């Protein structure tokens, strides 16, 4: 089972890498937006 998954990842490494990078960048963007929103709301005394 694990061998099949590794074989699939190896065969489709570029596609898997692109999908992983895209999802990672999107997640990172959401995290950064969340942190900036928290910092901004904190710096303005919580008034949005």
N, C-alpha and C. Protein backbone atom coordinates (compact mmCIF):
# COMPACT_ATOMS: atom_id res chain seq x y z
N UNK A 1 0.84 -1.20 0.00
CA UNK A 1 0.00 0.00 0.00
C UNK A 1 0.87 1.25 0.00
N UNK A 2 1.80 1.32 0.96
CA UNK A 2 2.69 2.48 1.02
C UNK A 2 3.55 2.54 -0.23
N UNK A 3 3.94 1.38 -0.75
CA UNK A 3 4.75 1.34 -1.96
C UNK A 3 3.99 1.92 -3.15
N UNK A 4 2.68 1.61 -3.23
CA UNK A 4 1.87 2.15 -4.32
C UNK A 4 1.79 3.67 -4.23
N UNK A 5 1.62 4.19 -3.02
CA UNK A 5 1.54 5.64 -2.82
C UNK A 5 2.86 6.29 -3.21
N UNK A 6 3.97 5.70 -2.76
CA UNK A 6 5.28 6.26 -3.09
C UNK A 6 5.51 6.21 -4.59
N UNK A 7 5.10 5.13 -5.23
CA UNK A 7 5.24 5.01 -6.69
C UNK A 7 4.43 6.09 -7.39
N UNK A 8 3.19 6.31 -6.92
CA UNK A 8 2.34 7.34 -7.51
C UNK A 8 2.98 8.72 -7.34
N UNK A 9 3.47 9.01 -6.13
CA UNK A 9 4.10 10.30 -5.88
C UNK A 9 5.33 10.48 -6.77
N UNK A 10 6.10 9.39 -6.93
CA UNK A 10 7.30 9.47 -7.75
C UNK A 10 6.94 9.70 -9.22
N UNK A 11 5.90 9.00 -9.69
CA UNK A 11 5.48 9.11 -11.09
C UNK A 11 4.89 10.49 -11.39
N UNK A 12 4.18 11.04 -10.43
CA UNK A 12 3.48 12.32 -10.65
C UNK A 12 4.06 13.40 -9.75
N UNK A 13 5.39 13.36 -9.58
CA UNK A 13 6.03 14.27 -8.62
C UNK A 13 5.74 15.72 -8.94
N UNK A 14 5.83 16.09 -10.22
CA UNK A 14 5.64 17.50 -10.59
C UNK A 14 4.22 17.97 -10.27
N UNK A 15 3.22 17.15 -10.62
CA UNK A 15 1.83 17.52 -10.34
C UNK A 15 1.59 17.61 -8.84
N UNK A 16 2.09 16.61 -8.10
CA UNK A 16 1.92 16.60 -6.64
C UNK A 16 2.60 17.82 -6.03
N UNK A 17 3.79 18.15 -6.53
CA UNK A 17 4.54 19.29 -6.01
C UNK A 17 3.80 20.59 -6.28
N UNK A 18 3.27 20.74 -7.50
CA UNK A 18 2.54 21.96 -7.85
C UNK A 18 1.29 22.11 -7.01
N UNK A 19 0.55 21.00 -6.83
CA UNK A 19 -0.67 21.05 -6.01
C UNK A 19 -0.30 21.38 -4.56
N UNK A 20 0.73 20.73 -4.05
CA UNK A 20 1.17 20.98 -2.67
C UNK A 20 1.63 22.42 -2.49
N UNK A 21 2.37 22.95 -3.47
CA UNK A 21 2.84 24.32 -3.37
C UNK A 21 1.67 25.30 -3.42
N UNK A 22 0.70 25.03 -4.29
CA UNK A 22 -0.47 25.91 -4.40
C UNK A 22 -1.26 25.93 -3.10
N UNK A 23 -1.53 24.74 -2.56
CA UNK A 23 -2.27 24.65 -1.30
C UNK A 23 -1.48 25.31 -0.18
N UNK A 24 -0.17 25.10 -0.17
CA UNK A 24 0.68 25.69 0.87
C UNK A 24 0.67 27.21 0.81
N UNK A 25 0.76 27.76 -0.39
CA UNK A 25 0.74 29.22 -0.54
C UNK A 25 -0.61 29.79 -0.11
N UNK A 26 -1.69 29.09 -0.48
CA UNK A 26 -3.02 29.55 -0.09
C UNK A 26 -3.17 29.53 1.43
N UNK A 27 -2.73 28.44 2.06
CA UNK A 27 -2.81 28.33 3.51
C UNK A 27 -1.96 29.41 4.17
N UNK A 28 -0.77 29.64 3.64
CA UNK A 28 0.11 30.66 4.18
C UNK A 28 -0.53 32.03 4.06
N UNK A 29 -1.17 32.30 2.93
CA UNK A 29 -1.86 33.57 2.73
C UNK A 29 -2.97 33.77 3.74
N UNK A 30 -3.75 32.71 4.01
CA UNK A 30 -4.83 32.81 4.98
C UNK A 30 -4.27 33.07 6.37
N UNK A 31 -3.17 32.39 6.73
CA UNK A 31 -2.55 32.57 8.04
C UNK A 31 -2.05 33.99 8.18
N UNK A 32 -1.36 34.49 7.15
CA UNK A 32 -0.83 35.86 7.19
C UNK A 32 -1.97 36.86 7.32
N UNK A 33 -3.05 36.66 6.56
CA UNK A 33 -4.20 37.56 6.65
C UNK A 33 -4.79 37.53 8.05
N UNK A 34 -4.90 36.35 8.63
CA UNK A 34 -5.45 36.22 9.98
C UNK A 34 -4.58 36.93 11.00
N UNK A 35 -3.27 36.76 10.89
CA UNK A 35 -2.34 37.40 11.83
C UNK A 35 -2.40 38.91 11.67
N UNK A 36 -2.39 39.39 10.43
CA UNK A 36 -2.46 40.83 10.19
C UNK A 36 -3.77 41.41 10.71
N UNK A 37 -4.87 40.69 10.52
CA UNK A 37 -6.16 41.15 11.01
C UNK A 37 -6.14 41.24 12.54
N UNK A 38 -5.55 40.25 13.19
CA UNK A 38 -5.45 40.28 14.65
C UNK A 38 -4.60 41.45 15.12
N UNK A 39 -3.45 41.63 14.48
CA UNK A 39 -2.56 42.73 14.85
C UNK A 39 -3.24 44.08 14.61
N UNK A 40 -3.94 44.20 13.49
CA UNK A 40 -4.59 45.46 13.15
C UNK A 40 -5.71 45.77 14.15
N UNK A 41 -6.52 44.76 14.48
CA UNK A 41 -7.63 44.98 15.41
C UNK A 41 -7.08 45.28 16.81
N UNK A 42 -5.95 44.67 17.16
CA UNK A 42 -5.35 44.93 18.47
C UNK A 42 -4.79 46.35 18.53
N UNK A 43 -4.19 46.80 17.42
CA UNK A 43 -3.57 48.12 17.41
C UNK A 43 -4.61 49.23 17.40
N UNK A 44 -5.84 48.92 16.97
CA UNK A 44 -6.89 49.94 16.93
C UNK A 44 -7.84 49.80 18.12
N UNK A 45 -7.39 49.06 19.14
CA UNK A 45 -8.21 48.92 20.34
C UNK A 45 -9.39 48.00 20.16
N UNK A 46 -9.33 47.13 19.14
CA UNK A 46 -10.40 46.16 18.94
C UNK A 46 -11.54 46.71 18.11
N UNK A 47 -11.54 48.00 17.77
CA UNK A 47 -12.59 48.58 16.94
C UNK A 47 -12.30 48.28 15.48
N UNK A 48 -13.20 47.54 14.83
CA UNK A 48 -12.97 47.17 13.43
C UNK A 48 -13.56 48.26 12.53
